[in-house]
Amino acid sequence: MEKHDIQYEKIKSLMIEQAAKMRKINRIVPVSGERYDLPLAGREINIVYFKAEKKNAPLVLGFHGGGFLFGGNALNDAMWSAVRDAFGVNVASVEYRKSPDFSSTDAIMDGYETAVYLKDHADTFGFDPDQISVMGASAGANIATGVCIYAGKKNPDLFLNQVLIYPLVDNVTPATEKTEDGLCDPGDLIFRELHCTDEEAKTSIISPLYASDEELAKLPNTVICTADIDSLKAEGLRYADRLKENGVPTALMVCEGMPHIFFEVGFGEVSEEELRAHSPMLQQLVRNGSAHEASVKALSFAAKHFKKLEKIILVDLDDREIGGEEKLATHEKSLLHRAFSVFIHDGSKMLIQKRSLTKYHSGGLWANACCSHPRVGETLDEAVHRRMLEEAGFDCPVKEAFSFTYRTEFSNGLTEYEFDHVFIGEYSGEVNMNPEEASECRWVSFADLKKEMLEHPERFCSWFVIAAPKVIRMLEQ
């Protein structure tokens, strides 16, 4: 055996030894979440569960990095806590099986079967079973998207999002060919050798970049954040392109000036001992706060593009809550649901908005200042003030005046069947209508509004022509 081969084997043995020690630490290190051992087929999989503030929030399955050899589900506590808070979700950090003791597909099966188990026990863990997503960094991102590809064959509606941080998606191309000068860390070669054979590397769940168009087209909403100074950057960019070509909603961010691993050390305190394991460049970025700043920006970008199903509250004719359903499905099935309409005046004039043409119904028609639905788990008061800011760009005190029930069918097959709570507030400040909600707005006198509704009722939304006359009468008294 040549000298460099002897050295390579020594490094490999040392890495395997260090990884084994890290797994022992992972089992005993304190966590802010709660540990659970899930009884899967023939094994137990440990998760650390970071519970969301709100009930019935979505779930994110988190997969840590470490080249399929290092790391642990309890060793990125600050990072997963930050994800939970930024996304408003529960996070289950998964301790998947690793090399060299397990095959390349074992981690994929751990991720998929953990998702299925948790979905089946959603009530126990307190999350929305219709909103499960995956997230991972580096090798963890490889597992996350590999799990989604596998699920596309078995359970295509299982995942809603995949969030991939500097993803490894190409295990076919040698690490030496991913750098401009052909030089790479021996660890990169060892990670690949221990993780999979050449034949295994060619499969789509191990090298997602080489998945078929059919497989990629089934993937969920995707967020990719690549590191600018990283040998994995190019494959991350190519993967984003392939996803877009196959119709997958994909948001891409290049984290300027950042090397690999920056996100995993970008949150919480990093000890000097931990820092010494990383490159001098990364050490400096952590010490001067740049890694944290870039991590926060990447997390904010991911949160912005993280898709959530908006479930609204189903009620009976007495406005008693009887369940929840996704918003569009509610209107497709003509289900009675809780809603609110906010009317804003300045003492003599009323603020009205013209609904954006992109709205799923009543686009281009005039309506009151703000109208929407409270989400499951949200009070009317919370929803009203949230939507006033989101829709009209301001907030002010409002008071519920009355409620009514109405039903309107639209030409696109949707039905608005609402128990509508009407709120009235007085405001005369600046209005900043969200263009995604309204194309324009105007203040109109009570007299002119009554006249326009009488002469041109077709210009107004159905609920508005029912509620507005009563609101005006109350204001004119």
Protein backbone atom coordinates (compact mmCIF):
# COMPACT_ATOMS: atom_id res chain seq x y z
CA MET A 1 0.00 0.00 0.00
CA GLU A 2 1.38 3.41 -1.00
CA LYS A 3 2.07 6.11 1.56
CA HIS A 4 -0.96 8.26 0.63
CA ASP A 5 -3.21 5.19 0.81
CA ILE A 6 -1.98 4.43 4.32
CA GLN A 7 -2.67 8.03 5.32
CA TYR A 8 -6.14 7.87 3.75
CA GLU A 9 -7.00 4.74 5.74
CA LYS A 10 -5.76 6.36 8.95
CA ILE A 11 -7.97 9.39 8.34
CA LYS A 12 -10.93 7.14 7.60
CA SER A 13 -10.42 5.14 10.79
CA LEU A 14 -10.11 8.34 12.82
CA MET A 15 -13.30 9.76 11.27
CA ILE A 16 -15.26 6.60 12.05
CA GLU A 17 -13.95 6.67 15.63
CA GLN A 18 -14.87 10.35 16.07
CA ALA A 19 -18.33 9.76 14.59
CA ALA A 20 -18.98 6.97 17.09
CA LYS A 21 -18.04 9.31 19.95
CA MET A 22 -20.33 12.00 18.55
CA ARG A 23 -23.26 9.57 18.55
CA LYS A 24 -22.71 8.88 22.23
CA ILE A 25 -22.69 12.60 22.97
CA ASN A 26 -25.83 13.02 20.88
CA ARG A 27 -27.73 10.65 23.16
CA ILE A 28 -26.97 12.59 26.35
CA VAL A 29 -26.60 16.24 25.33
CA PRO A 30 -29.30 18.53 26.82
CA VAL A 31 -31.98 19.71 24.37
CA SER A 32 -34.68 22.35 24.51
CA GLY A 33 -37.07 20.01 22.70
CA GLU A 34 -38.39 16.67 23.89
CA ARG A 35 -36.89 13.30 22.99
CA TYR A 36 -39.05 10.44 21.71
CA ASP A 37 -38.18 6.93 20.54
CA LEU A 38 -40.50 5.98 17.70
CA PRO A 39 -41.22 2.26 17.28
CA LEU A 40 -40.69 1.65 13.57
CA ALA A 41 -40.48 -1.74 11.88
CA GLY A 42 -37.57 -3.66 13.45
CA ARG A 43 -35.99 -0.60 15.07
CA GLU A 44 -36.48 2.53 17.10
CA ILE A 45 -35.77 5.96 15.67
CA ASN A 46 -35.09 8.83 18.06
CA ILE A 47 -36.45 12.29 17.37
CA VAL A 48 -36.12 15.57 19.20
CA TYR A 49 -39.46 17.35 18.99
CA PHE A 50 -39.53 21.15 19.07
CA LYS A 51 -43.14 22.10 19.71
CA ALA A 52 -44.72 25.13 18.03
CA GLU A 53 -46.32 27.89 20.01
CA LYS A 54 -49.69 27.44 18.29
CA LYS A 55 -51.78 24.30 18.35
CA ASN A 56 -52.17 22.18 15.23
CA ALA A 57 -49.27 23.93 13.46
CA PRO A 58 -47.52 22.22 10.51
CA LEU A 59 -44.66 19.75 11.02
CA VAL A 60 -41.13 19.87 9.58
CA LEU A 61 -38.95 16.77 9.62
CA GLY A 62 -35.37 17.95 10.09
CA PHE A 63 -32.30 16.06 8.84
CA HIS A 64 -28.90 17.18 10.08
CA GLY A 65 -25.73 17.27 8.01
CA GLY A 66 -22.45 15.46 8.59
CA GLY A 67 -21.63 13.53 5.44
CA PHE A 68 -23.96 10.64 6.40
CA LEU A 69 -21.36 9.81 9.10
CA PHE A 70 -21.15 12.64 11.62
CA GLY A 71 -23.71 14.72 13.48
CA GLY A 72 -26.81 13.94 15.48
CA ASN A 73 -30.41 14.98 15.80
CA ALA A 74 -29.74 16.69 19.16
CA LEU A 75 -26.63 18.62 18.11
CA ASN A 76 -28.30 21.50 16.21
CA ASP A 77 -30.67 22.57 18.96
CA ALA A 78 -30.37 26.32 18.30
CA MET A 79 -30.81 25.86 14.54
CA TRP A 80 -33.98 23.77 14.80
CA SER A 81 -35.40 26.10 17.45
CA ALA A 82 -34.84 29.00 15.05
CA VAL A 83 -36.57 27.08 12.25
CA ARG A 84 -39.53 26.35 14.51
CA ASP A 85 -39.93 30.02 15.43
CA ALA A 86 -39.35 31.44 11.93
CA PHE A 87 -41.73 29.03 10.17
CA GLY A 88 -44.29 28.78 12.97
CA VAL A 89 -44.09 24.98 12.85
CA ASN A 90 -43.30 21.94 14.95
CA VAL A 91 -39.91 20.41 14.16
CA ALA A 92 -38.98 16.73 14.53
CA SER A 93 -35.21 16.36 14.25
CA VAL A 94 -34.60 12.79 13.09
CA GLU A 95 -31.70 10.56 14.17
CA TYR A 96 -31.40 8.57 10.94
CA ARG A 97 -29.08 5.58 10.57
CA LYS A 98 -25.59 6.36 9.28
CA SER A 99 -22.59 4.87 7.57
CA PRO A 100 -20.52 2.81 7.86
CA ASP A 101 -22.90 0.49 9.72
CA PHE A 102 -25.92 0.97 7.48
CA SER A 103 -26.62 1.12 3.75
CA SER A 104 -27.28 4.28 1.77
CA THR A 105 -31.02 3.62 1.60
CA ASP A 106 -31.49 3.07 5.35
CA ALA A 107 -31.50 6.80 6.10
CA ILE A 108 -34.10 7.34 3.36
CA MET A 109 -36.35 4.68 4.85
CA ASP A 110 -35.88 6.17 8.32
CA GLY A 111 -37.04 9.55 7.05
CA TYR A 112 -40.01 8.22 5.12
CA GLU A 113 -41.24 5.82 7.81
CA THR A 114 -40.80 8.48 10.51
CA ALA A 115 -43.03 10.80 8.48
CA VAL A 116 -45.68 8.09 8.08
CA TYR A 117 -45.57 7.20 11.77
CA LEU A 118 -45.88 10.82 12.88
CA LYS A 119 -48.74 11.46 10.43
CA ASP A 120 -50.58 8.46 11.89
CA HIS A 121 -50.03 9.88 15.40
CA ALA A 122 -50.55 13.56 14.62
CA ASP A 123 -53.11 13.98 17.40
CA THR A 124 -50.61 12.72 19.96
CA PHE A 125 -47.92 15.16 18.84
CA GLY A 126 -50.35 18.00 18.18
CA PHE A 127 -49.65 18.96 14.55
CA ASP A 128 -51.65 19.23 11.34
CA PRO A 129 -51.27 15.89 9.50
CA ASP A 130 -51.97 17.54 6.15
CA GLN A 131 -48.97 19.85 6.49
CA ILE A 132 -45.76 17.83 6.74
CA SER A 133 -42.54 19.11 5.18
CA VAL A 134 -38.86 18.18 5.18
CA MET A 135 -35.72 20.24 5.69
CA GLY A 136 -32.05 19.41 5.73
CA ALA A 137 -28.56 20.80 5.36
CA SER A 138 -25.83 19.27 3.17
CA ALA A 139 -26.12 15.47 3.52
CA GLY A 140 -29.32 16.11 5.47
CA ALA A 141 -30.70 17.95 2.45
CA ASN A 142 -29.81 14.92 0.32
CA ILE A 143 -31.86 12.74 2.66
CA ALA A 144 -34.72 15.26 2.75
CA THR A 145 -35.16 15.43 -1.01
CA GLY A 146 -34.43 11.69 -1.40
CA VAL A 147 -37.28 10.99 1.02
CA CYS A 148 -39.56 13.21 -1.09
CA ILE A 149 -38.61 11.34 -4.27
CA TYR A 150 -39.32 8.03 -2.55
CA ALA A 151 -42.63 9.36 -1.23
CA GLY A 152 -43.55 10.40 -4.78
CA LYS A 153 -43.78 6.71 -5.65
CA LYS A 154 -45.52 5.56 -2.47
CA ASN A 155 -47.43 8.52 -1.05
CA PRO A 156 -47.24 11.56 -3.36
CA ASP A 157 -49.31 13.85 -1.13
CA LEU A 158 -47.26 13.22 2.02
CA PHE A 159 -45.07 16.35 1.88
CA LEU A 160 -45.97 19.99 1.32
CA ASN A 161 -42.46 21.55 1.19
CA GLN A 162 -38.80 20.64 0.98
CA VAL A 163 -36.26 23.16 2.28
CA LEU A 164 -32.71 22.34 1.18
CA ILE A 165 -29.68 24.15 2.61
CA TYR A 166 -26.52 23.79 0.44
CA PRO A 167 -27.82 20.40 -0.73
CA LEU A 168 -25.65 17.47 -1.79
CA VAL A 169 -27.66 16.07 -4.70
CA ASP A 170 -24.94 14.44 -6.81
CA ASN A 171 -23.18 11.38 -5.42
CA VAL A 172 -22.14 10.28 -8.92
CA THR A 173 -19.57 12.99 -9.68
CA PRO A 174 -16.34 12.48 -7.70
CA ALA A 175 -15.59 15.15 -5.11
CA THR A 176 -12.34 15.97 -6.95
CA GLU A 177 -14.36 17.07 -9.99
CA LYS A 178 -16.56 19.42 -7.95
CA THR A 179 -13.67 21.82 -7.31
CA GLU A 180 -11.91 24.02 -9.85
CA ASP A 181 -8.42 22.75 -9.02
CA GLY A 182 -9.36 19.11 -8.52
CA LEU A 183 -8.33 19.21 -4.86
CA CYS A 184 -10.74 18.36 -2.07
CA ASP A 185 -10.76 17.45 1.58
CA PRO A 186 -10.03 13.71 2.02
CA GLY A 187 -13.13 13.64 4.21
CA ASP A 188 -15.34 14.30 1.18
CA LEU A 189 -13.97 11.19 -0.51
CA ILE A 190 -14.43 9.15 2.66
CA PHE A 191 -18.01 10.32 3.15
CA ARG A 192 -18.89 9.12 -0.34
CA GLU A 193 -17.02 5.81 -0.01
CA LEU A 194 -18.73 4.92 3.26
CA HIS A 195 -22.17 6.05 2.16
CA CYS A 196 -22.83 4.25 -1.10
CA THR A 197 -21.46 2.09 -3.89
CA ASP A 198 -21.07 3.39 -7.43
CA GLU A 199 -24.26 1.60 -8.46
CA GLU A 200 -26.23 2.92 -5.50
CA ALA A 201 -25.02 6.44 -6.27
CA LYS A 202 -26.79 6.35 -9.63
CA THR A 203 -30.24 5.89 -8.09
CA SER A 204 -32.51 8.90 -7.85
CA ILE A 205 -32.97 8.79 -4.06
CA ILE A 206 -29.18 8.88 -3.54
CA SER A 207 -28.37 11.33 -6.36
CA PRO A 208 -31.56 13.36 -6.83
CA LEU A 209 -29.94 15.50 -9.52
CA TYR A 210 -30.20 12.46 -11.82
CA ALA A 211 -33.84 11.70 -11.05
CA SER A 212 -36.18 11.41 -14.03
CA ASP A 213 -38.44 14.26 -15.10
CA GLU A 214 -41.41 12.20 -13.94
CA GLU A 215 -39.92 11.79 -10.46
CA LEU A 216 -38.99 15.46 -10.14
CA ALA A 217 -42.42 16.64 -11.29
CA LYS A 218 -43.95 15.00 -8.20
CA LEU A 219 -41.78 16.92 -5.73
CA PRO A 220 -43.37 19.50 -3.40
CA ASN A 221 -42.84 23.24 -3.15
CA THR A 222 -39.07 23.73 -2.87
CA VAL A 223 -36.71 26.24 -1.26
CA ILE A 224 -32.98 25.95 -1.99
CA CYS A 225 -30.33 28.06 -0.27
CA THR A 226 -26.84 27.44 -1.62
CA ALA A 227 -23.57 28.63 -0.10
CA ASP A 228 -21.60 30.92 -2.41
CA ILE A 229 -18.15 29.50 -1.60
CA ASP A 230 -18.96 25.81 -1.73
CA SER A 231 -18.15 22.89 -4.01
CA LEU A 232 -21.84 21.89 -3.78
CA LYS A 233 -23.07 25.22 -5.14
CA ALA A 234 -23.10 24.16 -8.81
CA GLU A 235 -25.16 21.03 -8.26
CA GLY A 236 -27.59 22.96 -6.08
CA LEU A 237 -28.12 25.48 -8.89
CA ARG A 238 -28.58 22.71 -11.46
CA TYR A 239 -31.08 20.96 -9.21
CA ALA A 240 -33.09 24.17 -8.89
CA ASP A 241 -33.11 24.49 -12.68
CA ARG A 242 -34.29 20.91 -13.15
CA LEU A 243 -37.08 21.36 -10.63
CA LYS A 244 -38.28 24.55 -12.34
CA GLU A 245 -38.15 22.85 -15.75
CA ASN A 246 -40.47 20.18 -14.37
CA GLY A 247 -43.01 22.63 -13.00
CA VAL A 248 -42.03 22.45 -9.32
CA PRO A 249 -42.45 25.82 -7.54
CA THR A 250 -38.83 26.56 -6.60
CA ALA A 251 -37.30 29.52 -4.75
CA LEU A 252 -33.51 29.83 -4.95
CA MET A 253 -31.13 31.92 -2.83
CA VAL A 254 -27.35 32.12 -3.11
CA CYS A 255 -25.91 33.10 0.29
CA GLU A 256 -23.19 35.50 -0.79
CA GLY A 257 -19.74 35.13 0.73
CA MET A 258 -20.71 32.08 2.75
CA PRO A 259 -18.91 28.71 2.81
CA HIS A 260 -20.36 25.28 3.51
CA ILE A 261 -21.76 24.64 7.04
CA PHE A 262 -22.37 28.35 7.77
CA PHE A 263 -26.08 27.74 8.47
CA GLU A 264 -25.47 24.95 10.96
CA VAL A 265 -23.17 27.16 13.05
CA GLY A 266 -25.15 30.34 12.45
CA PHE A 267 -27.43 30.06 15.46
CA GLY A 268 -26.73 29.99 19.18
CA GLU A 269 -23.35 29.89 20.89
CA VAL A 270 -20.51 28.01 19.19
CA SER A 271 -17.67 27.01 21.50
CA GLU A 272 -14.03 27.53 20.60
CA GLU A 273 -13.58 23.77 20.65
CA GLU A 274 -16.32 23.35 18.05
CA LEU A 275 -14.91 26.18 15.95
CA ARG A 276 -11.48 24.55 15.75
CA ALA A 277 -13.06 21.70 13.78
CA HIS A 278 -13.90 24.13 10.96
CA SER A 279 -11.91 26.14 8.44
CA PRO A 280 -10.23 29.43 9.45
CA MET A 281 -12.62 31.26 7.12
CA LEU A 282 -15.71 29.83 8.80
CA GLN A 283 -14.22 30.51 12.24
CA GLN A 284 -13.82 34.19 11.36
CA LEU A 285 -17.37 34.43 9.95
CA VAL A 286 -18.78 32.98 13.16
CA ARG A 287 -16.70 35.24 15.41
CA ASN A 288 -17.57 38.45 13.56
CA GLY A 289 -21.27 37.59 13.33
CA SER A 290 -21.41 37.29 9.54
CA ALA A 291 -22.44 33.62 9.63
CA HIS A 292 -25.31 34.44 11.97
CA GLU A 293 -26.45 37.35 9.81
CA ALA A 294 -26.39 35.23 6.64
CA SER A 295 -28.19 32.37 8.42
CA VAL A 296 -30.97 34.69 9.57
CA LYS A 297 -31.36 36.01 6.00
CA ALA A 298 -31.50 32.48 4.59
CA LEU A 299 -34.04 31.43 7.20
CA SER A 300 -36.16 34.50 6.49
CA PHE A 301 -36.05 33.73 2.75
CA ALA A 302 -37.05 30.11 3.39
CA ALA A 303 -39.89 31.17 5.70
CA LYS A 304 -41.20 33.58 3.05
CA HIS A 305 -41.42 30.79 0.47
CA PHE A 306 -42.58 28.07 2.85
CA LYS A 307 -46.05 27.03 1.74
CA LYS A 308 -48.79 26.54 4.32
CA LEU A 309 -52.30 25.28 3.81
CA GLU A 310 -54.72 27.87 5.12
CA LYS A 311 -57.36 25.89 6.98
CA ILE A 312 -60.45 27.84 7.91
CA ILE A 313 -63.12 27.14 10.52
CA LEU A 314 -66.26 25.20 9.59
CA VAL A 315 -69.35 26.10 11.61
CA ASP A 316 -73.02 25.22 11.94
CA LEU A 317 -75.87 27.70 11.49
CA ASP A 318 -75.37 28.89 15.08
CA ASP A 319 -71.66 29.60 14.41
CA ARG A 320 -70.53 26.66 16.53
CA GLU A 321 -67.19 25.29 15.34
CA ILE A 322 -67.50 21.81 13.82
CA GLY A 323 -64.11 21.34 12.15
CA GLY A 324 -61.60 22.78 9.73
CA GLU A 325 -60.89 22.54 6.02
CA GLU A 326 -58.41 23.95 3.50
CA LYS A 327 -59.69 27.26 2.16
CA LEU A 328 -60.10 26.39 -1.51
CA ALA A 329 -61.65 23.01 -0.72
CA THR A 330 -64.15 24.77 1.56
CA HIS A 331 -65.36 26.87 -1.35
CA GLU A 332 -65.34 23.93 -3.75
CA LYS A 333 -67.52 21.87 -1.40
CA SER A 334 -69.83 24.77 -0.42
CA LEU A 335 -69.17 24.32 3.30
CA LEU A 336 -70.45 26.86 5.81
CA HIS A 337 -67.46 28.60 7.41
CA ARG A 338 -66.66 31.50 9.69
CA ALA A 339 -65.73 34.79 8.04
CA PHE A 340 -65.46 38.48 8.85
CA SER A 341 -65.92 41.77 7.02
CA VAL A 342 -64.26 44.95 8.29
CA PHE A 343 -65.86 48.29 7.37
CA ILE A 344 -63.70 51.38 7.90
CA HIS A 345 -65.00 54.98 7.85
CA ASP A 346 -63.59 58.40 8.68
CA GLY A 347 -66.83 59.88 9.97
CA SER A 348 -68.39 60.81 6.62
CA LYS A 349 -66.80 58.50 4.04
CA MET A 350 -66.24 54.77 3.75
CA LEU A 351 -63.07 53.04 2.57
CA ILE A 352 -63.71 50.49 -0.18
CA GLN A 353 -61.30 48.36 -2.20
CA LYS A 354 -61.44 46.77 -5.65
CA ARG A 355 -60.47 43.13 -5.29
CA SER A 356 -57.44 41.99 -7.28
CA LEU A 357 -58.16 40.10 -10.49
CA THR A 358 -55.99 37.27 -9.14
CA LYS A 359 -58.47 36.49 -6.34
CA TYR A 360 -60.14 33.08 -6.71
CA HIS A 361 -63.57 34.73 -6.86
CA SER A 362 -65.08 38.24 -7.15
CA GLY A 363 -61.94 39.67 -8.75
CA GLY A 364 -62.41 43.25 -9.99
CA LEU A 365 -65.45 43.89 -7.76
CA TRP A 366 -65.66 46.50 -5.01
CA ALA A 367 -65.80 45.40 -1.37
CA ASN A 368 -65.21 46.68 2.15
CA ALA A 369 -61.76 47.58 3.48
CA CYS A 370 -60.89 44.06 4.60
CA CYS A 371 -62.58 40.66 4.48
CA SER A 372 -61.22 37.20 5.22
CA HIS A 373 -61.49 34.12 7.46
CA PRO A 374 -59.99 33.23 10.84
CA ARG A 375 -57.72 30.21 10.62
CA VAL A 376 -58.19 27.07 12.66
CA GLY A 377 -56.94 27.86 16.16
CA GLU A 378 -57.21 31.62 15.64
CA THR A 379 -59.75 33.92 17.30
CA LEU A 380 -61.83 36.40 15.35
CA ASP A 381 -60.02 39.30 17.01
CA GLU A 382 -56.59 37.90 16.11
CA ALA A 383 -57.65 37.27 12.53
CA VAL A 384 -59.24 40.70 12.03
CA HIS A 385 -56.14 42.62 13.09
CA ARG A 386 -53.78 40.27 11.25
CA ARG A 387 -55.68 40.69 7.99
CA MET A 388 -56.09 44.45 8.32
CA LEU A 389 -52.31 44.76 8.35
CA GLU A 390 -51.77 42.15 5.62
CA GLU A 391 -54.50 43.46 3.34
CA ALA A 392 -54.89 47.20 3.95
CA GLY A 393 -51.52 48.04 5.49
CA PHE A 394 -52.89 49.58 8.69
CA ASP A 395 -54.59 48.63 11.93
CA CYS A 396 -57.06 50.43 14.18
CA PRO A 397 -59.62 49.62 16.88
CA VAL A 398 -62.72 47.87 15.56
CA LYS A 399 -65.90 46.53 17.15
CA GLU A 400 -68.22 43.76 16.04
CA ALA A 401 -71.58 45.23 14.99
CA PHE A 402 -73.64 42.28 13.73
CA SER A 403 -73.42 38.98 11.85
CA PHE A 404 -75.32 37.29 9.03
CA THR A 405 -75.23 34.17 6.87
CA TYR A 406 -75.22 34.22 3.09
CA ARG A 407 -74.54 31.88 0.18
CA THR A 408 -73.33 32.87 -3.31
CA GLU A 409 -72.41 30.61 -6.23
CA PHE A 410 -69.80 31.76 -8.76
CA SER A 411 -69.36 30.91 -12.42
CA ASN A 412 -66.03 29.13 -11.73
CA GLY A 413 -67.79 26.47 -9.65
CA LEU A 414 -66.86 27.92 -6.25
CA THR A 415 -69.40 28.83 -3.58
CA GLU A 416 -69.10 31.38 -0.78
CA TYR A 417 -71.18 30.09 2.12
CA GLU A 418 -70.31 32.15 5.17
CA PHE A 419 -71.31 33.02 8.67
CA ASP A 420 -70.01 36.58 8.37
CA HIS A 421 -69.09 38.72 11.41
CA VAL A 422 -69.19 42.44 10.56
CA PHE A 423 -66.72 44.78 12.29
CA ILE A 424 -66.72 48.59 12.11
CA GLY A 425 -63.82 50.92 12.83
CA GLU A 426 -62.93 54.59 12.36
CA TYR A 427 -59.63 55.59 10.74
CA SER A 428 -58.33 58.52 8.69
CA GLY A 429 -54.62 57.75 8.28
CA GLU A 430 -52.51 56.32 5.49
CA VAL A 431 -53.74 53.25 3.59
CA ASN A 432 -51.28 50.87 1.88
CA MET A 433 -53.35 48.25 0.11
CA ASN A 434 -51.55 45.01 -0.71
CA PRO A 435 -51.60 44.77 -4.55
CA GLU A 436 -52.05 41.01 -4.29
CA GLU A 437 -55.33 41.68 -2.48
CA ALA A 438 -56.67 44.88 -4.08
CA SER A 439 -55.91 46.72 -7.30
CA GLU A 440 -57.13 50.06 -5.92
CA CYS A 441 -59.06 51.68 -3.08
CA ARG A 442 -61.01 54.88 -2.52
CA TRP A 443 -62.91 56.85 0.10
CA VAL A 444 -66.53 57.43 -0.87
CA SER A 445 -69.26 59.36 0.92
CA PHE A 446 -72.14 57.39 2.41
CA ALA A 447 -74.60 59.11 0.07
CA ASP A 448 -72.55 58.44 -3.07
CA LEU A 449 -72.00 54.83 -2.06
CA LYS A 450 -75.72 54.20 -1.52
CA LYS A 451 -76.44 55.75 -4.92
CA GLU A 452 -73.78 53.69 -6.70
CA MET A 453 -74.94 50.43 -5.11
CA LEU A 454 -78.51 51.18 -6.15
CA GLU A 455 -77.63 52.05 -9.75
CA HIS A 456 -74.79 49.55 -10.31
CA PRO A 457 -75.05 46.62 -7.87
CA GLU A 458 -73.06 44.47 -10.32
CA ARG A 459 -69.92 46.43 -9.39
CA PHE A 460 -69.93 45.13 -5.82
CA CYS A 461 -69.32 41.82 -4.06
CA SER A 462 -72.38 39.89 -2.93
CA TRP A 463 -71.66 40.15 0.80
CA PHE A 464 -70.99 43.88 0.50
CA VAL A 465 -74.41 44.75 -0.94
CA ILE A 466 -75.99 42.81 1.93
CA ALA A 467 -73.96 44.30 4.78
CA ALA A 468 -73.05 47.82 3.60
CA PRO A 469 -76.58 49.35 3.75
CA LYS A 470 -76.97 48.24 7.36
CA VAL A 471 -73.51 49.55 8.26
CA ILE A 472 -74.31 52.94 6.70
CA ARG A 473 -77.60 53.15 8.56
CA MET A 474 -75.79 52.49 11.84
CA LEU A 475 -73.18 55.16 11.08
CA GLU A 476 -75.73 57.76 10.04
CA GLN A 477 -77.74 57.45 13.26
